Structure formats: C-alpha cells, structure tokens
Amino acid sequence: MQVCPTCGSGNLVKNGSIHNKKPKSMCKDSGRQLTKNRKKEEISEEKKNIVDRLLLEKISLSGISRVLWISESWLQDYVNDKYAQASQTL
C-alpha cells in the first residue's frame, strides 16, 4: 500500500494521470499529489564533474541540461549550491 511521503497517511485517492499516462494519486489529508514507482535517479560524481567543466566554458544551463539529460531545476539548484560554497572574496 502506498503512503503519502509528506504526512505518512494512507488516505489516497486516484487523481488522473501525468503526461505519460502514468496514474497519479492525491493524499486527502495533505493534498499532495504523487505517482507510484517514481524513478528518481541520483546524479553521478562523474556527471557533476562534467557539469563543473561545462560551467567554466560558459555554456548555458539549458544547453548543459539537454546534452547531459539532467533537469534544469536540478542544475540550477546545483549551481546555486556551488555559488554559496564559493569564497566571495577576490
């Protein structure tokens, strides 16, 4: 049985489907929508190193995400984290 990752409730109802016809559910308690068997891939260290090198070449984020098959939102978060960790002194 599937449970809501937000509140842990099993009070789920069918709620249509996503773009690839995969059914989605909605938690009646928290209102969160979710799909079954979500595949979340971890970005490898090798791919992160490639991203770092491409960023140094001033390639656009959308170009990097297209070439490496990673989401633009993940890439933007990654760049923001890198910027926050970098020294701000010249």
PDB file of N, CA and C in Angstrom:
ATOM      1  N   MET A   1       0.835  -1.184   0.000  1.00  0.00           N
ATOM      2  CA  MET A   1       0.000   0.000   0.000  1.00  0.00           C
ATOM      3  C   MET A   1       0.882   1.251   0.000  1.00  0.00           C
ATOM      4  N   GLN A   2       0.503   2.201  -0.795  1.00  0.00           N
ATOM      5  CA  GLN A   2       1.264   3.434  -0.918  1.00  0.00           C
ATOM      6  C   GLN A   2       0.843   4.409   0.178  1.00  0.00           C
ATOM      7  N   VAL A   3       1.822   5.108   0.737  1.00  0.00           N
ATOM      8  CA  VAL A   3       1.539   6.117   1.756  1.00  0.00           C
ATOM      9  C   VAL A   3       2.094   7.457   1.298  1.00  0.00           C
ATOM     10  N   CYS A   4       1.549   8.514   1.831  1.00  0.00           N
ATOM     11  CA  CYS A   4       1.982   9.870   1.493  1.00  0.00           C
ATOM     12  C   CYS A   4       3.342  10.141   2.139  1.00  0.00           C
ATOM     13  N   PRO A   5       4.343  10.593   1.353  1.00  0.00           N
ATOM     14  CA  PRO A   5       5.653  10.884   1.932  1.00  0.00           C
ATOM     15  C   PRO A   5       5.647  12.132   2.814  1.00  0.00           C
ATOM     16  N   THR A   6       4.650  12.994   2.674  1.00  0.00           N
ATOM     17  CA  THR A   6       4.583  14.217   3.467  1.00  0.00           C
ATOM     18  C   THR A   6       4.054  13.953   4.863  1.00  0.00           C
ATOM     19  N   CYS A   7       2.886  13.272   4.933  1.00  0.00           N
ATOM     20  CA  CYS A   7       2.241  13.094   6.239  1.00  0.00           C
ATOM     21  C   CYS A   7       2.183  11.641   6.696  1.00  0.00           C
ATOM     22  N   GLY A   8       2.530  10.673   5.833  1.00  0.00           N
ATOM     23  CA  GLY A   8       2.516   9.272   6.211  1.00  0.00           C
ATOM     24  C   GLY A   8       1.140   8.636   6.180  1.00  0.00           C
ATOM     25  N   SER A   9       0.150   9.349   5.691  1.00  0.00           N
ATOM     26  CA  SER A   9      -1.220   8.854   5.644  1.00  0.00           C
ATOM     27  C   SER A   9      -1.403   7.893   4.470  1.00  0.00           C
ATOM     28  N   GLY A  10      -2.280   6.922   4.643  1.00  0.00           N
ATOM     29  CA  GLY A  10      -2.640   6.001   3.569  1.00  0.00           C
ATOM     30  C   GLY A  10      -3.951   6.394   2.925  1.00  0.00           C
ATOM     31  N   ASN A  11      -4.443   7.577   3.226  1.00  0.00           N
ATOM     32  CA  ASN A  11      -5.732   8.058   2.745  1.00  0.00           C
ATOM     33  C   ASN A  11      -5.565   8.687   1.363  1.00  0.00           C
ATOM     34  N   LEU A  12      -5.335   7.840   0.326  1.00  0.00           N
ATOM     35  CA  LEU A  12      -5.067   8.314  -1.023  1.00  0.00           C
ATOM     36  C   LEU A  12      -6.236   7.988  -1.947  1.00  0.00           C
ATOM     37  N   VAL A  13      -6.455   8.852  -2.928  1.00  0.00           N
ATOM     38  CA  VAL A  13      -7.484   8.626  -3.946  1.00  0.00           C
ATOM     39  C   VAL A  13      -6.852   8.812  -5.318  1.00  0.00           C
ATOM     40  N   LYS A  14      -7.443   8.146  -6.333  1.00  0.00           N
ATOM     41  CA  LYS A  14      -6.970   8.321  -7.699  1.00  0.00           C
ATOM     42  C   LYS A  14      -7.238   9.751  -8.131  1.00  0.00           C
ATOM     43  N   ASN A  15      -6.280  10.299  -8.919  1.00  0.00           N
ATOM     44  CA  ASN A  15      -6.403  11.694  -9.313  1.00  0.00           C
ATOM     45  C   ASN A  15      -5.871  11.904 -10.728  1.00  0.00           C
ATOM     46  N   GLY A  16      -6.382  11.152 -11.686  1.00  0.00           N
ATOM     47  CA  GLY A  16      -5.990  11.333 -13.078  1.00  0.00           C
ATOM     48  C   GLY A  16      -4.665  10.690 -13.410  1.00  0.00           C
ATOM     49  N   SER A  17      -3.975  11.259 -14.402  1.00  0.00           N
ATOM     50  CA  SER A  17      -2.688  10.718 -14.836  1.00  0.00           C
ATOM     51  C   SER A  17      -1.772  11.855 -15.260  1.00  0.00           C
ATOM     52  N   ILE A  18      -0.475  11.532 -15.329  1.00  0.00           N
ATOM     53  CA  ILE A  18       0.502  12.531 -15.744  1.00  0.00           C
ATOM     54  C   ILE A  18       0.692  12.446 -17.258  1.00  0.00           C
ATOM     55  N   HIS A  19       1.630  13.206 -17.813  1.00  0.00           N
ATOM     56  CA  HIS A  19       1.806  13.327 -19.250  1.00  0.00           C
ATOM     57  C   HIS A  19       2.072  12.006 -19.966  1.00  0.00           C
ATOM     58  N   ASN A  20       2.658  11.028 -19.311  1.00  0.00           N
ATOM     59  CA  ASN A  20       2.965   9.754 -19.950  1.00  0.00           C
ATOM     60  C   ASN A  20       1.945   8.673 -19.591  1.00  0.00           C
ATOM     61  N   LYS A  21       0.759   9.087 -19.218  1.00  0.00           N
ATOM     62  CA  LYS A  21      -0.378   8.205 -18.905  1.00  0.00           C
ATOM     63  C   LYS A  21      -0.182   7.383 -17.639  1.00  0.00           C
ATOM     64  N   LYS A  22       0.797   7.722 -16.824  1.00  0.00           N
ATOM     65  CA  LYS A  22       1.037   7.034 -15.559  1.00  0.00           C
ATOM     66  C   LYS A  22       0.046   7.576 -14.530  1.00  0.00           C
ATOM     67  N   PRO A  23      -0.691   6.707 -13.838  1.00  0.00           N
ATOM     68  CA  PRO A  23      -1.700   7.198 -12.891  1.00  0.00           C
ATOM     69  C   PRO A  23      -1.085   7.915 -11.698  1.00  0.00           C
ATOM     70  N   LYS A  24      -1.797   8.928 -11.228  1.00  0.00           N
ATOM     71  CA  LYS A  24      -1.338   9.641 -10.043  1.00  0.00           C
ATOM     72  C   LYS A  24      -2.414   9.593  -8.977  1.00  0.00           C
ATOM     73  N   SER A  25      -1.982   9.815  -7.746  1.00  0.00           N
ATOM     74  CA  SER A  25      -2.882   9.789  -6.592  1.00  0.00           C
ATOM     75  C   SER A  25      -2.755  11.100  -5.846  1.00  0.00           C
ATOM     76  N   MET A  26      -3.756  11.377  -4.996  1.00  0.00           N
ATOM     77  CA  MET A  26      -3.706  12.565  -4.166  1.00  0.00           C
ATOM     78  C   MET A  26      -4.014  12.158  -2.731  1.00  0.00           C
ATOM     79  N   CYS A  27      -3.258  12.707  -1.787  1.00  0.00           N
ATOM     80  CA  CYS A  27      -3.492  12.461  -0.373  1.00  0.00           C
ATOM     81  C   CYS A  27      -4.622  13.379   0.087  1.00  0.00           C
ATOM     82  N   LYS A  28      -5.645  12.793   0.688  1.00  0.00           N
ATOM     83  CA  LYS A  28      -6.769  13.596   1.158  1.00  0.00           C
ATOM     84  C   LYS A  28      -6.393  14.442   2.369  1.00  0.00           C
ATOM     85  N   ASP A  29      -5.381  14.014   3.113  1.00  0.00           N
ATOM     86  CA  ASP A  29      -5.002  14.739   4.327  1.00  0.00           C
ATOM     87  C   ASP A  29      -4.095  15.937   4.028  1.00  0.00           C
ATOM     88  N   SER A  30      -3.049  15.725   3.222  1.00  0.00           N
ATOM     89  CA  SER A  30      -2.100  16.814   2.971  1.00  0.00           C
ATOM     90  C   SER A  30      -2.332  17.519   1.639  1.00  0.00           C
ATOM     91  N   GLY A  31      -3.058  16.894   0.715  1.00  0.00           N
ATOM     92  CA  GLY A  31      -3.304  17.484  -0.588  1.00  0.00           C
ATOM     93  C   GLY A  31      -2.176  17.258  -1.581  1.00  0.00           C
ATOM     94  N   ARG A  32      -1.137  16.524  -1.189  1.00  0.00           N
ATOM     95  CA  ARG A  32      -0.003  16.271  -2.072  1.00  0.00           C
ATOM     96  C   ARG A  32      -0.379  15.271  -3.159  1.00  0.00           C
ATOM     97  N   GLN A  33       0.114  15.507  -4.379  1.00  0.00           N
ATOM     98  CA  GLN A  33      -0.100  14.586  -5.485  1.00  0.00           C
ATOM     99  C   GLN A  33       1.160  13.767  -5.695  1.00  0.00           C
ATOM    100  N   LEU A  34       1.007  12.481  -5.989  1.00  0.00           N
ATOM    101  CA  LEU A  34       2.155  11.610  -6.180  1.00  0.00           C
ATOM    102  C   LEU A  34       1.847  10.514  -7.171  1.00  0.00           C
ATOM    103  N   THR A  35       2.905   9.899  -7.715  1.00  0.00           N
ATOM    104  CA  THR A  35       2.771   8.781  -8.633  1.00  0.00           C
ATOM    105  C   THR A  35       3.398   7.548  -8.009  1.00  0.00           C
ATOM    106  N   LYS A  36       2.994   6.387  -8.491  1.00  0.00           N
ATOM    107  CA  LYS A  36       3.572   5.141  -7.998  1.00  0.00           C
ATOM    108  C   LYS A  36       4.903   4.890  -8.690  1.00  0.00           C
ATOM    109  N   ASN A  37       5.805   4.243  -7.980  1.00  0.00           N
ATOM    110  CA  ASN A  37       7.101   3.818  -8.518  1.00  0.00           C
ATOM    111  C   ASN A  37       7.858   4.950  -9.195  1.00  0.00           C
ATOM    112  N   ARG A  38       7.950   6.075  -8.528  1.00  0.00           N
ATOM    113  CA  ARG A  38       8.680   7.206  -9.075  1.00  0.00           C
ATOM    114  C   ARG A  38      10.143   6.847  -9.185  1.00  0.00           C
ATOM    115  N   LYS A  39      10.722   7.126 -10.335  1.00  0.00           N
ATOM    116  CA  LYS A  39      12.130   6.816 -10.563  1.00  0.00           C
ATOM    117  C   LYS A  39      12.941   8.090 -10.432  1.00  0.00           C
ATOM    118  N   LYS A  40      13.619   8.236  -9.315  1.00  0.00           N
ATOM    119  CA  LYS A  40      14.471   9.398  -9.112  1.00  0.00           C
ATOM    120  C   LYS A  40      15.912   8.928  -9.193  1.00  0.00           C
ATOM    121  N   GLU A  41      16.595   9.358 -10.233  1.00  0.00           N
ATOM    122  CA  GLU A  41      17.970   8.940 -10.437  1.00  0.00           C
ATOM    123  C   GLU A  41      18.927   9.895  -9.733  1.00  0.00           C
ATOM    124  N   GLU A  42      19.934   9.337  -9.133  1.00  0.00           N
ATOM    125  CA  GLU A  42      20.976  10.132  -8.488  1.00  0.00           C
ATOM    126  C   GLU A  42      21.991  10.540  -9.554  1.00  0.00           C
ATOM    127  N   ILE A  43      22.413  11.786  -9.529  1.00  0.00           N
ATOM    128  CA  ILE A  43      23.399  12.289 -10.484  1.00  0.00           C
ATOM    129  C   ILE A  43      24.780  11.822 -10.025  1.00  0.00           C
ATOM    130  N   SER A  44      25.509  11.149 -10.913  1.00  0.00           N
ATOM    131  CA  SER A  44      26.809  10.588 -10.550  1.00  0.00           C
ATOM    132  C   SER A  44      27.850  11.698 -10.381  1.00  0.00           C
ATOM    133  N   GLU A  45      28.918  11.371  -9.642  1.00  0.00           N
ATOM    134  CA  GLU A  45      30.014  12.319  -9.445  1.00  0.00           C
ATOM    135  C   GLU A  45      30.690  12.644 -10.772  1.00  0.00           C
ATOM    136  N   GLU A  46      30.772  11.661 -11.659  1.00  0.00           N
ATOM    137  CA  GLU A  46      31.376  11.889 -12.971  1.00  0.00           C
ATOM    138  C   GLU A  46      30.583  12.949 -13.749  1.00  0.00           C
ATOM    139  N   LYS A  47      29.255  12.845 -13.698  1.00  0.00           N
ATOM    140  CA  LYS A  47      28.412  13.813 -14.404  1.00  0.00           C
ATOM    141  C   LYS A  47      28.516  15.190 -13.752  1.00  0.00           C
ATOM    142  N   LYS A  48      28.650  15.232 -12.425  1.00  0.00           N
ATOM    143  CA  LYS A  48      28.822  16.514 -11.734  1.00  0.00           C
ATOM    144  C   LYS A  48      30.135  17.171 -12.138  1.00  0.00           C
ATOM    145  N   ASN A  49      31.198  16.370 -12.313  1.00  0.00           N
ATOM    146  CA  ASN A  49      32.483  16.907 -12.755  1.00  0.00           C
ATOM    147  C   ASN A  49      32.372  17.475 -14.168  1.00  0.00           C
ATOM    148  N   ILE A  50      31.623  16.792 -15.027  1.00  0.00           N
ATOM    149  CA  ILE A  50      31.412  17.292 -16.390  1.00  0.00           C
ATOM    150  C   ILE A  50      30.642  18.610 -16.354  1.00  0.00           C
ATOM    151  N   VAL A  51      29.629  18.690 -15.490  1.00  0.00           N
ATOM    152  CA  VAL A  51      28.862  19.931 -15.340  1.00  0.00           C
ATOM    153  C   VAL A  51      29.788  21.063 -14.913  1.00  0.00           C
ATOM    154  N   ASP A  52      30.662  20.800 -13.948  1.00  0.00           N
ATOM    155  CA  ASP A  52      31.601  21.828 -13.486  1.00  0.00           C
ATOM    156  C   ASP A  52      32.475  22.331 -14.632  1.00  0.00           C
ATOM    157  N   ARG A  53      32.974  21.411 -15.456  1.00  0.00           N
ATOM    158  CA  ARG A  53      33.830  21.804 -16.574  1.00  0.00           C
ATOM    159  C   ARG A  53      33.050  22.592 -17.617  1.00  0.00           C
ATOM    160  N   LEU A  54      31.800  22.193 -17.877  1.00  0.00           N
ATOM    161  CA  LEU A  54      30.994  22.916 -18.861  1.00  0.00           C
ATOM    162  C   LEU A  54      30.612  24.300 -18.351  1.00  0.00           C
ATOM    163  N   LEU A  55      30.405  24.432 -17.048  1.00  0.00           N
ATOM    164  CA  LEU A  55      30.106  25.748 -16.488  1.00  0.00           C
ATOM    165  C   LEU A  55      31.289  26.696 -16.640  1.00  0.00           C
ATOM    166  N   LEU A  56      32.501  26.178 -16.516  1.00  0.00           N
ATOM    167  CA  LEU A  56      33.694  27.006 -16.712  1.00  0.00           C
ATOM    168  C   LEU A  56      33.808  27.488 -18.157  1.00  0.00           C
ATOM    169  N   GLU A  57      33.235  26.734 -19.093  1.00  0.00           N
ATOM    170  CA  GLU A  57      33.260  27.117 -20.502  1.00  0.00           C
ATOM    171  C   GLU A  57      32.128  28.081 -20.854  1.00  0.00           C
ATOM    172  N   LYS A  58      31.341  28.473 -19.850  1.00  0.00           N
ATOM    173  CA  LYS A  58      30.244  29.427 -20.008  1.00  0.00           C
ATOM    174  C   LYS A  58      29.162  28.943 -20.968  1.00  0.00           C
ATOM    175  N   ILE A  59      28.891  27.645 -20.928  1.00  0.00           N
ATOM    176  CA  ILE A  59      27.787  27.081 -21.709  1.00  0.00           C
ATOM    177  C   ILE A  59      26.508  27.288 -20.908  1.00  0.00           C
ATOM    178  N   SER A  60      25.420  27.578 -21.598  1.00  0.00           N
ATOM    179  CA  SER A  60      24.159  27.882 -20.914  1.00  0.00           C
ATOM    180  C   SER A  60      23.644  26.671 -20.132  1.00  0.00           C
ATOM    181  N   LEU A  61      22.856  26.951 -19.095  1.00  0.00           N
ATOM    182  CA  LEU A  61      22.288  25.883 -18.286  1.00  0.00           C
ATOM    183  C   LEU A  61      21.362  25.000 -19.114  1.00  0.00           C
ATOM    184  N   SER A  62      20.581  25.618 -19.993  1.00  0.00           N
ATOM    185  CA  SER A  62      19.682  24.811 -20.819  1.00  0.00           C
ATOM    186  C   SER A  62      20.465  23.916 -21.776  1.00  0.00           C
ATOM    187  N   GLY A  63      21.581  24.399 -22.285  1.00  0.00           N
ATOM    188  CA  GLY A  63      22.424  23.583 -23.151  1.00  0.00           C
ATOM    189  C   GLY A  63      23.032  22.410 -22.403  1.00  0.00           C
ATOM    190  N   ILE A  64      23.503  22.657 -21.194  1.00  0.00           N
ATOM    191  CA  ILE A  64      24.084  21.589 -20.375  1.00  0.00           C
ATOM    192  C   ILE A  64      23.033  20.542 -20.043  1.00  0.00           C
ATOM    193  N   SER A  65      21.840  20.983 -19.675  1.00  0.00           N
ATOM    194  CA  SER A  65      20.793  20.018 -19.300  1.00  0.00           C
ATOM    195  C   SER A  65      20.368  19.175 -20.491  1.00  0.00           C
ATOM    196  N   ARG A  66      20.338  19.762 -21.694  1.00  0.00           N
ATOM    197  CA  ARG A  66      19.968  18.992 -22.886  1.00  0.00           C
ATOM    198  C   ARG A  66      21.018  17.943 -23.213  1.00  0.00           C
ATOM    199  N   VAL A  67      22.284  18.330 -23.146  1.00  0.00           N
ATOM    200  CA  VAL A  67      23.367  17.422 -23.532  1.00  0.00           C
ATOM    201  C   VAL A  67      23.526  16.284 -22.530  1.00  0.00           C
ATOM    202  N   LEU A  68      23.421  16.596 -21.238  1.00  0.00           N
ATOM    203  CA  LEU A  68      23.665  15.584 -20.202  1.00  0.00           C
ATOM    204  C   LEU A  68      22.406  14.884 -19.712  1.00  0.00           C
ATOM    205  N   TRP A  69      21.257  15.256 -20.242  1.00  0.00           N
ATOM    206  CA  TRP A  69      19.971  14.655 -19.854  1.00  0.00           C
ATOM    207  C   TRP A  69      19.714  14.805 -18.359  1.00  0.00           C
ATOM    208  N   ILE A  70      19.865  16.021 -17.855  1.00  0.00           N
ATOM    209  CA  ILE A  70      19.536  16.319 -16.467  1.00  0.00           C
ATOM    210  C   ILE A  70      18.540  17.471 -16.463  1.00  0.00           C
ATOM    211  N   SER A  71      17.764  17.577 -15.414  1.00  0.00           N
ATOM    212  CA  SER A  71      16.734  18.617 -15.374  1.00  0.00           C
ATOM    213  C   SER A  71      17.357  19.988 -15.110  1.00  0.00           C
ATOM    214  N   GLU A  72      16.743  21.003 -15.685  1.00  0.00           N
ATOM    215  CA  GLU A  72      17.233  22.367 -15.483  1.00  0.00           C
ATOM    216  C   GLU A  72      17.065  22.801 -14.030  1.00  0.00           C
ATOM    217  N   SER A  73      16.004  22.332 -13.374  1.00  0.00           N
ATOM    218  CA  SER A  73      15.793  22.717 -11.974  1.00  0.00           C
ATOM    219  C   SER A  73      16.886  22.122 -11.086  1.00  0.00           C
ATOM    220  N   TRP A  74      17.276  20.838 -11.333  1.00  0.00           N
ATOM    221  CA  TRP A  74      18.373  20.255 -10.555  1.00  0.00           C
ATOM    222  C   TRP A  74      19.653  21.031 -10.812  1.00  0.00           C
ATOM    223  N   LEU A  75      19.910  21.361 -12.082  1.00  0.00           N
ATOM    224  CA  LEU A  75      21.125  22.065 -12.455  1.00  0.00           C
ATOM    225  C   LEU A  75      21.184  23.446 -11.809  1.00  0.00           C
ATOM    226  N   GLN A  76      20.058  24.157 -11.786  1.00  0.00           N
ATOM    227  CA  GLN A  76      20.031  25.484 -11.164  1.00  0.00           C
ATOM    228  C   GLN A  76      20.302  25.379  -9.664  1.00  0.00           C
ATOM    229  N   ASP A  77      19.711  24.376  -9.000  1.00  0.00           N
ATOM    230  CA  ASP A  77      19.981  24.167  -7.577  1.00  0.00           C
ATOM    231  C   ASP A  77      21.449  23.838  -7.337  1.00  0.00           C
ATOM    232  N   TYR A  78      22.030  23.026  -8.215  1.00  0.00           N
ATOM    233  CA  TYR A  78      23.441  22.648  -8.105  1.00  0.00           C
ATOM    234  C   TYR A  78      24.333  23.877  -8.234  1.00  0.00           C
ATOM    235  N   VAL A  79      24.042  24.719  -9.218  1.00  0.00           N
ATOM    236  CA  VAL A  79      24.834  25.941  -9.424  1.00  0.00           C
ATOM    237  C   VAL A  79      24.686  26.874  -8.230  1.00  0.00           C
ATOM    238  N   ASN A  80      23.476  27.016  -7.716  1.00  0.00           N
ATOM    239  CA  ASN A  80      23.262  27.874  -6.549  1.00  0.00           C
ATOM    240  C   ASN A  80      24.041  27.375  -5.338  1.00  0.00           C
ATOM    241  N   ASP A  81      24.068  26.051  -5.118  1.00  0.00           N
ATOM    242  CA  ASP A  81      24.835  25.476  -4.007  1.00  0.00           C
ATOM    243  C   ASP A  81      26.330  25.719  -4.195  1.00  0.00           C
ATOM    244  N   LYS A  82      26.813  25.549  -5.433  1.00  0.00           N
ATOM    245  CA  LYS A  82      28.225  25.789  -5.725  1.00  0.00           C
ATOM    246  C   LYS A  82      28.595  27.256  -5.448  1.00  0.00           C
ATOM    247  N   TYR A  83      27.704  28.159  -5.850  1.00  0.00           N
ATOM    248  CA  TYR A  83      27.949  29.587  -5.654  1.00  0.00           C
ATOM    249  C   TYR A  83      27.981  29.932  -4.165  1.00  0.00           C
ATOM    250  N   ALA A  84      27.075  29.325  -3.394  1.00  0.00           N
ATOM    251  CA  ALA A  84      27.011  29.592  -1.954  1.00  0.00           C
ATOM    252  C   ALA A  84      28.267  29.077  -1.250  1.00  0.00           C
ATOM    253  N   GLN A  85      28.844  27.991  -1.744  1.00  0.00           N
ATOM    254  CA  GLN A  85      30.042  27.409  -1.142  1.00  0.00           C
ATOM    255  C   GLN A  85      31.320  28.144  -1.534  1.00  0.00           C
ATOM    256  N   ALA A  86      31.279  28.847  -2.649  1.00  0.00           N
ATOM    257  CA  ALA A  86      32.475  29.516  -3.153  1.00  0.00           C
ATOM    258  C   ALA A  86      32.829  30.711  -2.292  1.00  0.00           C
ATOM    259  N   SER A  87      34.103  30.996  -2.230  1.00  0.00           N
ATOM    260  CA  SER A  87      34.567  32.158  -1.484  1.00  0.00           C
ATOM    261  C   SER A  87      34.132  33.433  -2.202  1.00  0.00           C
ATOM    262  N   GLN A  88      33.615  34.389  -1.463  1.00  0.00           N
ATOM    263  CA  GLN A  88      33.101  35.615  -2.055  1.00  0.00           C
ATOM    264  C   GLN A  88      34.145  36.730  -2.113  1.00  0.00           C
ATOM    265  N   THR A  89      35.372  36.431  -1.734  1.00  0.00           N
ATOM    266  CA  THR A  89      36.433  37.445  -1.786  1.00  0.00           C
ATOM    267  C   THR A  89      37.227  37.302  -3.069  1.00  0.00           C
ATOM    268  N   LEU A  90      37.754  38.411  -3.541  1.00  0.00           N
ATOM    269  CA  LEU A  90      38.563  38.373  -4.778  1.00  0.00           C
ATOM    270  C   LEU A  90      40.033  38.357  -4.459  1.00  0.00           C
TER     271      LEU A  90
END
